[in-house]
Amino acid sequence: MLNRLTGIKKLAVVLVSLGATYSAAAQAEQQVLINLASGSAQTQGMAMVLAGQMQQQGAKVSVLLCDSAADLALQQPSGELLKPMNATPAQLLAKLRQGGAKVQVCALYLPNKGLPATSLAEGISAARPDDIAGLMLSPEVKVFSF
């Protein structure tokens, strides 16, 4: 009888340990890739707002800017103030970056705009297609396109 109780206690300890391990894994940092290609200020703004909310909720955010949305990555981006935030999409992107988001432009942007890499804001670079493909294929990364 004593051996049986000891076995049950050991099983209980193992189950509690597994539960704690599963709980820690479930709470592991969620990775998010925001793929933004829209030139619409409202779409850009909403993408940045949602990315910011995900970041505030603990997600590790990466942003890939393509086509006209990549203009947000320039040193001197233009843009309209959006309500109710009273901020431009570029300002919202800067806030994301301050929170630790990695921001890149698609590999086609600079050569097709005829721009050097130095035209990008500090800390923003051209993405490598193999790295982005790896992120998109990773089961740990949720991809959202705007």
N, C-alpha and C. Protein backbone atom coordinates (compact mmCIF):
# COMPACT_ATOMS: atom_id res chain seq x y z
N MET A 1 0.82 -1.20 0.00
CA MET A 1 0.00 0.00 0.00
C MET A 1 0.87 1.26 0.00
N LEU A 2 1.96 1.24 0.78
CA LEU A 2 2.85 2.38 0.86
C LEU A 2 3.52 2.64 -0.49
N ASN A 3 3.92 1.56 -1.18
CA ASN A 3 4.53 1.71 -2.51
C ASN A 3 3.54 2.32 -3.50
N ARG A 4 2.28 1.92 -3.35
CA ARG A 4 1.25 2.44 -4.26
C ARG A 4 1.05 3.94 -4.03
N LEU A 5 1.03 4.39 -2.78
CA LEU A 5 0.88 5.81 -2.46
C LEU A 5 2.08 6.61 -2.94
N THR A 6 3.28 6.04 -2.78
CA THR A 6 4.49 6.71 -3.25
C THR A 6 4.44 6.86 -4.76
N GLY A 7 3.97 5.83 -5.47
CA GLY A 7 3.84 5.88 -6.93
C GLY A 7 2.84 6.94 -7.37
N ILE A 8 1.75 7.04 -6.63
CA ILE A 8 0.72 8.05 -6.96
C ILE A 8 1.28 9.46 -6.73
N LYS A 9 2.04 9.64 -5.64
CA LYS A 9 2.64 10.94 -5.37
C LYS A 9 3.63 11.31 -6.46
N LYS A 10 4.44 10.34 -6.89
CA LYS A 10 5.40 10.60 -7.98
C LYS A 10 4.68 10.99 -9.25
N LEU A 11 3.59 10.28 -9.56
CA LEU A 11 2.81 10.59 -10.76
C LEU A 11 2.22 11.99 -10.66
N ALA A 12 1.74 12.34 -9.46
CA ALA A 12 1.18 13.69 -9.27
C ALA A 12 2.25 14.75 -9.49
N VAL A 13 3.45 14.52 -8.98
CA VAL A 13 4.54 15.48 -9.17
C VAL A 13 4.87 15.62 -10.65
N VAL A 14 4.92 14.51 -11.36
CA VAL A 14 5.21 14.54 -12.80
C VAL A 14 4.12 15.31 -13.54
N LEU A 15 2.87 15.05 -13.21
CA LEU A 15 1.76 15.75 -13.89
C LEU A 15 1.79 17.25 -13.62
N VAL A 16 2.07 17.62 -12.38
CA VAL A 16 2.16 19.05 -12.04
C VAL A 16 3.32 19.68 -12.80
N SER A 17 4.46 18.99 -12.88
CA SER A 17 5.62 19.52 -13.62
C SER A 17 5.30 19.68 -15.09
N LEU A 18 4.63 18.68 -15.66
CA LEU A 18 4.25 18.78 -17.08
C LEU A 18 3.29 19.93 -17.31
N GLY A 19 2.36 20.11 -16.39
CA GLY A 19 1.41 21.22 -16.51
C GLY A 19 2.12 22.56 -16.46
N ALA A 20 3.08 22.70 -15.56
CA ALA A 20 3.84 23.95 -15.46
C ALA A 20 4.66 24.19 -16.71
N THR A 21 5.26 23.13 -17.25
CA THR A 21 6.04 23.25 -18.49
C THR A 21 5.14 23.66 -19.64
N TYR A 22 3.97 23.02 -19.75
CA TYR A 22 3.04 23.35 -20.82
C TYR A 22 2.56 24.79 -20.68
N SER A 23 2.27 25.20 -19.45
CA SER A 23 1.81 26.56 -19.21
C SER A 23 2.87 27.57 -19.61
N ALA A 24 4.13 27.31 -19.28
CA ALA A 24 5.22 28.22 -19.65
C ALA A 24 5.37 28.27 -21.16
N ALA A 25 5.25 27.13 -21.83
CA ALA A 25 5.36 27.10 -23.29
C ALA A 25 4.20 27.84 -23.93
N ALA A 26 3.01 27.69 -23.36
CA ALA A 26 1.84 28.36 -23.92
C ALA A 26 1.96 29.87 -23.77
N GLN A 27 2.68 30.31 -22.72
CA GLN A 27 2.83 31.74 -22.49
C GLN A 27 4.10 32.29 -23.13
N ALA A 28 4.82 31.45 -23.87
CA ALA A 28 6.04 31.91 -24.54
C ALA A 28 5.69 33.06 -25.48
N GLU A 29 6.66 33.89 -25.71
CA GLU A 29 6.46 35.07 -26.55
C GLU A 29 5.96 34.70 -27.95
N GLN A 30 4.81 35.24 -28.31
CA GLN A 30 4.24 35.04 -29.64
C GLN A 30 5.00 35.91 -30.63
N GLN A 31 5.34 35.35 -31.78
CA GLN A 31 6.01 36.13 -32.82
C GLN A 31 5.00 36.48 -33.91
N VAL A 32 5.08 37.71 -34.38
CA VAL A 32 4.14 38.23 -35.37
C VAL A 32 4.92 38.89 -36.50
N LEU A 33 4.52 38.63 -37.73
CA LEU A 33 5.06 39.32 -38.89
C LEU A 33 3.93 40.10 -39.53
N ILE A 34 4.08 41.41 -39.60
CA ILE A 34 3.12 42.28 -40.27
C ILE A 34 3.68 42.57 -41.66
N ASN A 35 2.96 42.17 -42.67
CA ASN A 35 3.35 42.39 -44.06
C ASN A 35 2.45 43.50 -44.60
N LEU A 36 3.01 44.68 -44.77
CA LEU A 36 2.22 45.85 -45.17
C LEU A 36 2.66 46.34 -46.54
N ALA A 37 1.71 46.34 -47.49
CA ALA A 37 2.01 46.81 -48.84
C ALA A 37 1.06 47.92 -49.29
N SER A 38 0.03 48.18 -48.51
CA SER A 38 -0.97 49.16 -48.91
C SER A 38 -0.43 50.58 -48.81
N GLY A 39 -0.81 51.39 -49.79
CA GLY A 39 -0.47 52.81 -49.78
C GLY A 39 -1.51 53.65 -49.07
N SER A 40 -2.60 53.03 -48.65
CA SER A 40 -3.67 53.75 -47.96
C SER A 40 -3.25 54.11 -46.54
N ALA A 41 -3.34 55.39 -46.20
CA ALA A 41 -2.94 55.84 -44.86
C ALA A 41 -3.76 55.16 -43.78
N GLN A 42 -5.06 54.98 -44.01
CA GLN A 42 -5.89 54.35 -42.99
C GLN A 42 -5.51 52.88 -42.81
N THR A 43 -5.22 52.18 -43.89
CA THR A 43 -4.80 50.78 -43.78
C THR A 43 -3.45 50.70 -43.09
N GLN A 44 -2.53 51.57 -43.45
CA GLN A 44 -1.23 51.60 -42.78
C GLN A 44 -1.39 51.88 -41.29
N GLY A 45 -2.22 52.87 -40.98
CA GLY A 45 -2.46 53.23 -39.58
C GLY A 45 -3.06 52.09 -38.79
N MET A 46 -4.04 51.41 -39.37
CA MET A 46 -4.67 50.29 -38.67
C MET A 46 -3.69 49.15 -38.45
N ALA A 47 -2.85 48.89 -39.44
CA ALA A 47 -1.83 47.84 -39.30
C ALA A 47 -0.89 48.18 -38.15
N MET A 48 -0.50 49.45 -38.05
CA MET A 48 0.42 49.87 -36.99
C MET A 48 -0.27 49.84 -35.63
N VAL A 49 -1.53 50.24 -35.57
CA VAL A 49 -2.28 50.20 -34.31
C VAL A 49 -2.41 48.76 -33.82
N LEU A 50 -2.79 47.86 -34.71
CA LEU A 50 -2.94 46.45 -34.31
C LEU A 50 -1.60 45.85 -33.91
N ALA A 51 -0.56 46.18 -34.65
CA ALA A 51 0.78 45.68 -34.30
C ALA A 51 1.19 46.21 -32.93
N GLY A 52 0.86 47.47 -32.66
CA GLY A 52 1.17 48.05 -31.36
C GLY A 52 0.42 47.35 -30.24
N GLN A 53 -0.84 47.03 -30.49
CA GLN A 53 -1.61 46.31 -29.49
C GLN A 53 -1.03 44.92 -29.24
N MET A 54 -0.61 44.24 -30.32
CA MET A 54 0.01 42.93 -30.17
C MET A 54 1.31 43.05 -29.38
N GLN A 55 2.08 44.08 -29.66
CA GLN A 55 3.33 44.31 -28.95
C GLN A 55 3.07 44.55 -27.46
N GLN A 56 2.05 45.35 -27.15
CA GLN A 56 1.70 45.63 -25.76
C GLN A 56 1.24 44.38 -25.03
N GLN A 57 0.68 43.43 -25.79
CA GLN A 57 0.22 42.19 -25.19
C GLN A 57 1.31 41.12 -25.17
N GLY A 58 2.54 41.52 -25.46
CA GLY A 58 3.67 40.63 -25.30
C GLY A 58 4.23 39.99 -26.55
N ALA A 59 3.69 40.31 -27.71
CA ALA A 59 4.19 39.71 -28.95
C ALA A 59 5.48 40.36 -29.41
N LYS A 60 6.33 39.56 -30.01
CA LYS A 60 7.54 40.07 -30.67
C LYS A 60 7.11 40.40 -32.10
N VAL A 61 7.19 41.65 -32.47
CA VAL A 61 6.66 42.13 -33.75
C VAL A 61 7.78 42.41 -34.74
N SER A 62 7.59 41.88 -35.95
CA SER A 62 8.44 42.22 -37.10
C SER A 62 7.53 42.82 -38.15
N VAL A 63 8.04 43.82 -38.88
CA VAL A 63 7.24 44.49 -39.91
C VAL A 63 8.01 44.45 -41.22
N LEU A 64 7.34 43.98 -42.27
CA LEU A 64 7.89 44.00 -43.63
C LEU A 64 7.07 44.99 -44.43
N LEU A 65 7.73 46.05 -44.91
CA LEU A 65 7.07 47.09 -45.70
C LEU A 65 7.40 46.89 -47.17
N CYS A 66 6.37 46.79 -47.98
CA CYS A 66 6.56 46.58 -49.41
C CYS A 66 5.81 47.64 -50.20
N ASP A 67 6.19 47.77 -51.47
CA ASP A 67 5.53 48.69 -52.40
C ASP A 67 5.48 50.09 -51.78
N SER A 68 4.38 50.80 -51.94
CA SER A 68 4.34 52.19 -51.46
C SER A 68 4.34 52.29 -49.93
N ALA A 69 3.99 51.21 -49.23
CA ALA A 69 4.05 51.25 -47.76
C ALA A 69 5.49 51.39 -47.28
N ALA A 70 6.45 50.98 -48.09
CA ALA A 70 7.86 51.08 -47.71
C ALA A 70 8.32 52.54 -47.63
N ASP A 71 7.55 53.45 -48.20
CA ASP A 71 7.87 54.87 -48.06
C ASP A 71 7.87 55.30 -46.59
N LEU A 72 7.16 54.55 -45.73
CA LEU A 72 7.14 54.83 -44.30
C LEU A 72 8.53 54.67 -43.68
N ALA A 73 9.39 53.91 -44.33
CA ALA A 73 10.73 53.62 -43.79
C ALA A 73 11.76 54.67 -44.16
N LEU A 74 11.39 55.63 -44.98
CA LEU A 74 12.35 56.65 -45.40
C LEU A 74 12.70 57.59 -44.25
N GLN A 75 13.84 58.22 -44.35
CA GLN A 75 14.27 59.15 -43.30
C GLN A 75 13.30 60.31 -43.12
N GLN A 76 12.69 60.74 -44.20
CA GLN A 76 11.75 61.86 -44.14
C GLN A 76 10.38 61.40 -44.68
N PRO A 77 9.68 60.54 -43.96
CA PRO A 77 8.39 60.06 -44.48
C PRO A 77 7.32 61.16 -44.38
N SER A 78 6.42 61.13 -45.33
CA SER A 78 5.29 62.05 -45.27
C SER A 78 4.08 61.24 -44.82
N GLY A 79 3.00 61.92 -44.58
CA GLY A 79 1.79 61.20 -44.19
C GLY A 79 0.81 62.11 -43.51
N GLU A 80 -0.44 61.68 -43.57
CA GLU A 80 -1.50 62.48 -42.96
C GLU A 80 -1.74 62.03 -41.52
N LEU A 81 -2.15 62.99 -40.69
CA LEU A 81 -2.51 62.67 -39.32
C LEU A 81 -3.82 61.89 -39.33
N LEU A 82 -3.81 60.80 -38.61
CA LEU A 82 -5.01 59.97 -38.51
C LEU A 82 -5.64 60.13 -37.14
N LYS A 83 -6.96 60.20 -37.14
CA LYS A 83 -7.71 60.29 -35.90
C LYS A 83 -8.13 58.87 -35.50
N PRO A 84 -8.29 58.55 -34.28
CA PRO A 84 -8.20 59.41 -33.11
C PRO A 84 -6.81 59.49 -32.51
N MET A 85 -5.80 58.87 -33.14
CA MET A 85 -4.46 58.84 -32.56
C MET A 85 -3.72 60.16 -32.74
N ASN A 86 -4.16 60.96 -33.72
CA ASN A 86 -3.46 62.20 -34.08
C ASN A 86 -1.99 61.93 -34.36
N ALA A 87 -1.76 60.89 -35.15
CA ALA A 87 -0.40 60.48 -35.52
C ALA A 87 -0.42 60.00 -36.96
N THR A 88 0.70 60.12 -37.63
CA THR A 88 0.83 59.58 -38.98
C THR A 88 1.20 58.10 -38.88
N PRO A 89 0.98 57.33 -39.93
CA PRO A 89 1.43 55.93 -39.91
C PRO A 89 2.93 55.81 -39.61
N ALA A 90 3.74 56.75 -40.13
CA ALA A 90 5.18 56.70 -39.87
C ALA A 90 5.48 56.93 -38.38
N GLN A 91 4.72 57.79 -37.73
CA GLN A 91 4.92 58.01 -36.30
C GLN A 91 4.53 56.76 -35.50
N LEU A 92 3.46 56.10 -35.94
CA LEU A 92 3.05 54.86 -35.28
C LEU A 92 4.10 53.77 -35.49
N LEU A 93 4.70 53.75 -36.67
CA LEU A 93 5.78 52.79 -36.95
C LEU A 93 6.98 53.07 -36.05
N ALA A 94 7.31 54.34 -35.87
CA ALA A 94 8.43 54.71 -35.00
C ALA A 94 8.18 54.25 -33.57
N LYS A 95 6.95 54.35 -33.12
CA LYS A 95 6.60 53.90 -31.78
C LYS A 95 6.77 52.38 -31.66
N LEU A 96 6.39 51.66 -32.70
CA LEU A 96 6.61 50.21 -32.73
C LEU A 96 8.09 49.89 -32.61
N ARG A 97 8.90 50.61 -33.37
CA ARG A 97 10.35 50.39 -33.36
C ARG A 97 10.91 50.67 -31.97
N GLN A 98 10.42 51.72 -31.32
CA GLN A 98 10.88 52.04 -29.97
C GLN A 98 10.54 50.91 -29.00
N GLY A 99 9.46 50.19 -29.29
CA GLY A 99 9.05 49.06 -28.47
C GLY A 99 9.79 47.77 -28.80
N GLY A 100 10.71 47.84 -29.77
CA GLY A 100 11.52 46.68 -30.09
C GLY A 100 11.18 45.97 -31.39
N ALA A 101 10.23 46.49 -32.15
CA ALA A 101 9.87 45.84 -33.41
C ALA A 101 11.02 45.93 -34.42
N LYS A 102 11.21 44.88 -35.17
CA LYS A 102 12.19 44.87 -36.26
C LYS A 102 11.44 45.28 -37.52
N VAL A 103 11.95 46.30 -38.21
CA VAL A 103 11.30 46.82 -39.41
C VAL A 103 12.25 46.69 -40.59
N GLN A 104 11.73 46.15 -41.68
CA GLN A 104 12.50 45.99 -42.91
C GLN A 104 11.64 46.36 -44.11
N VAL A 105 12.31 46.76 -45.19
CA VAL A 105 11.61 46.97 -46.46
C VAL A 105 11.87 45.74 -47.32
N CYS A 106 10.96 45.47 -48.24
CA CYS A 106 11.15 44.31 -49.10
C CYS A 106 12.38 44.53 -49.99
N ALA A 107 12.95 43.43 -50.41
CA ALA A 107 14.20 43.48 -51.18
C ALA A 107 14.05 44.21 -52.52
N LEU A 108 12.84 44.32 -53.03
CA LEU A 108 12.62 44.97 -54.32
C LEU A 108 12.48 46.49 -54.23
N TYR A 109 12.23 46.98 -53.02
CA TYR A 109 11.89 48.40 -52.85
C TYR A 109 13.01 49.34 -53.28
N LEU A 110 14.16 49.25 -52.67
CA LEU A 110 15.24 50.21 -52.94
C LEU A 110 15.70 50.19 -54.40
N PRO A 111 15.99 49.01 -54.98
CA PRO A 111 16.47 49.03 -56.37
C PRO A 111 15.43 49.55 -57.36
N ASN A 112 14.16 49.29 -57.09
CA ASN A 112 13.12 49.74 -58.02
C ASN A 112 12.73 51.20 -57.81
N LYS A 113 13.07 51.76 -56.66
CA LYS A 113 12.86 53.19 -56.42
C LYS A 113 14.11 53.98 -56.80
N GLY A 114 15.22 53.25 -57.06
CA GLY A 114 16.47 53.91 -57.37
C GLY A 114 17.07 54.62 -56.16
N LEU A 115 16.84 54.05 -54.99
CA LEU A 115 17.31 54.68 -53.75
C LEU A 115 18.43 53.87 -53.11
N PRO A 116 19.36 54.56 -52.46
CA PRO A 116 20.40 53.84 -51.71
C PRO A 116 19.86 53.43 -50.34
N ALA A 117 20.51 52.48 -49.70
CA ALA A 117 20.10 52.02 -48.37
C ALA A 117 20.16 53.15 -47.36
N THR A 118 20.99 54.16 -47.61
CA THR A 118 21.11 55.29 -46.69
C THR A 118 19.86 56.17 -46.65
N SER A 119 18.94 55.95 -47.57
CA SER A 119 17.71 56.74 -47.57
C SER A 119 16.71 56.22 -46.53
N LEU A 120 17.00 55.04 -45.96
CA LEU A 120 16.11 54.47 -44.95
C LEU A 120 16.43 55.06 -43.58
N ALA A 121 15.40 55.14 -42.75
CA ALA A 121 15.59 55.62 -41.39
C ALA A 121 16.54 54.69 -40.65
N GLU A 122 17.22 55.23 -39.67
CA GLU A 122 18.19 54.46 -38.90
C GLU A 122 17.53 53.23 -38.29
N GLY A 123 18.20 52.09 -38.42
CA GLY A 123 17.68 50.84 -37.85
C GLY A 123 16.78 50.05 -38.77
N ILE A 124 16.45 50.62 -39.93
CA ILE A 124 15.62 49.92 -40.91
C ILE A 124 16.51 49.47 -42.05
N SER A 125 16.31 48.26 -42.52
CA SER A 125 17.15 47.71 -43.58
C SER A 125 16.30 46.98 -44.61
N ALA A 126 16.95 46.58 -45.69
CA ALA A 126 16.29 45.76 -46.71
C ALA A 126 16.25 44.32 -46.21
N ALA A 127 15.11 43.69 -46.38
CA ALA A 127 14.93 42.30 -45.94
C ALA A 127 15.59 41.33 -46.91
N ARG A 128 16.02 40.23 -46.37
CA ARG A 128 16.53 39.12 -47.20
C ARG A 128 15.37 38.17 -47.43
N PRO A 129 15.05 37.87 -48.70
CA PRO A 129 13.90 37.00 -48.97
C PRO A 129 13.96 35.65 -48.25
N ASP A 130 15.16 35.06 -48.11
CA ASP A 130 15.23 33.77 -47.43
C ASP A 130 14.88 33.90 -45.94
N ASP A 131 15.25 35.00 -45.31
CA ASP A 131 14.89 35.21 -43.91
C ASP A 131 13.38 35.40 -43.74
N ILE A 132 12.79 36.19 -44.63
CA ILE A 132 11.35 36.44 -44.54
C ILE A 132 10.58 35.16 -44.82
N ALA A 133 11.02 34.40 -45.82
CA ALA A 133 10.35 33.12 -46.12
C ALA A 133 10.42 32.19 -44.91
N GLY A 134 11.56 32.17 -44.23
CA GLY A 134 11.69 31.35 -43.04
C GLY A 134 10.71 31.77 -41.94
N LEU A 135 10.55 33.08 -41.76
CA LEU A 135 9.58 33.57 -40.78
C LEU A 135 8.17 33.16 -41.16
N MET A 136 7.84 33.33 -42.43
CA MET A 136 6.49 33.03 -42.89
C MET A 136 6.15 31.54 -42.75
N LEU A 137 7.16 30.70 -42.88
CA LEU A 137 6.94 29.25 -42.79
C LEU A 137 6.99 28.73 -41.36
N SER A 138 7.50 29.52 -40.45
CA SER A 138 7.65 29.08 -39.08
C SER A 138 6.29 28.93 -38.39
N PRO A 139 6.04 27.77 -37.79
CA PRO A 139 4.74 27.59 -37.11
C PRO A 139 4.58 28.49 -35.88
N GLU A 140 5.69 29.05 -35.38
CA GLU A 140 5.61 29.92 -34.21
C GLU A 140 5.26 31.36 -34.57
N VAL A 141 5.24 31.68 -35.85
CA VAL A 141 5.01 33.06 -36.30
C VAL A 141 3.64 33.18 -36.96
N LYS A 142 2.87 34.15 -36.51
CA LYS A 142 1.60 34.48 -37.16
C LYS A 142 1.87 35.60 -38.15
N VAL A 143 1.38 35.45 -39.38
CA VAL A 143 1.61 36.43 -40.43
C VAL A 143 0.29 37.14 -40.72
N PHE A 144 0.36 38.47 -40.72
CA PHE A 144 -0.81 39.30 -41.03
C PHE A 144 -0.43 40.22 -42.18
N SER A 145 -1.26 40.26 -43.22
CA SER A 145 -0.98 41.08 -44.39
C SER A 145 -2.02 42.18 -44.54
N PHE A 146 -1.52 43.37 -44.83
CA PHE A 146 -2.40 44.54 -45.02
C PHE A 146 -2.03 45.20 -46.33
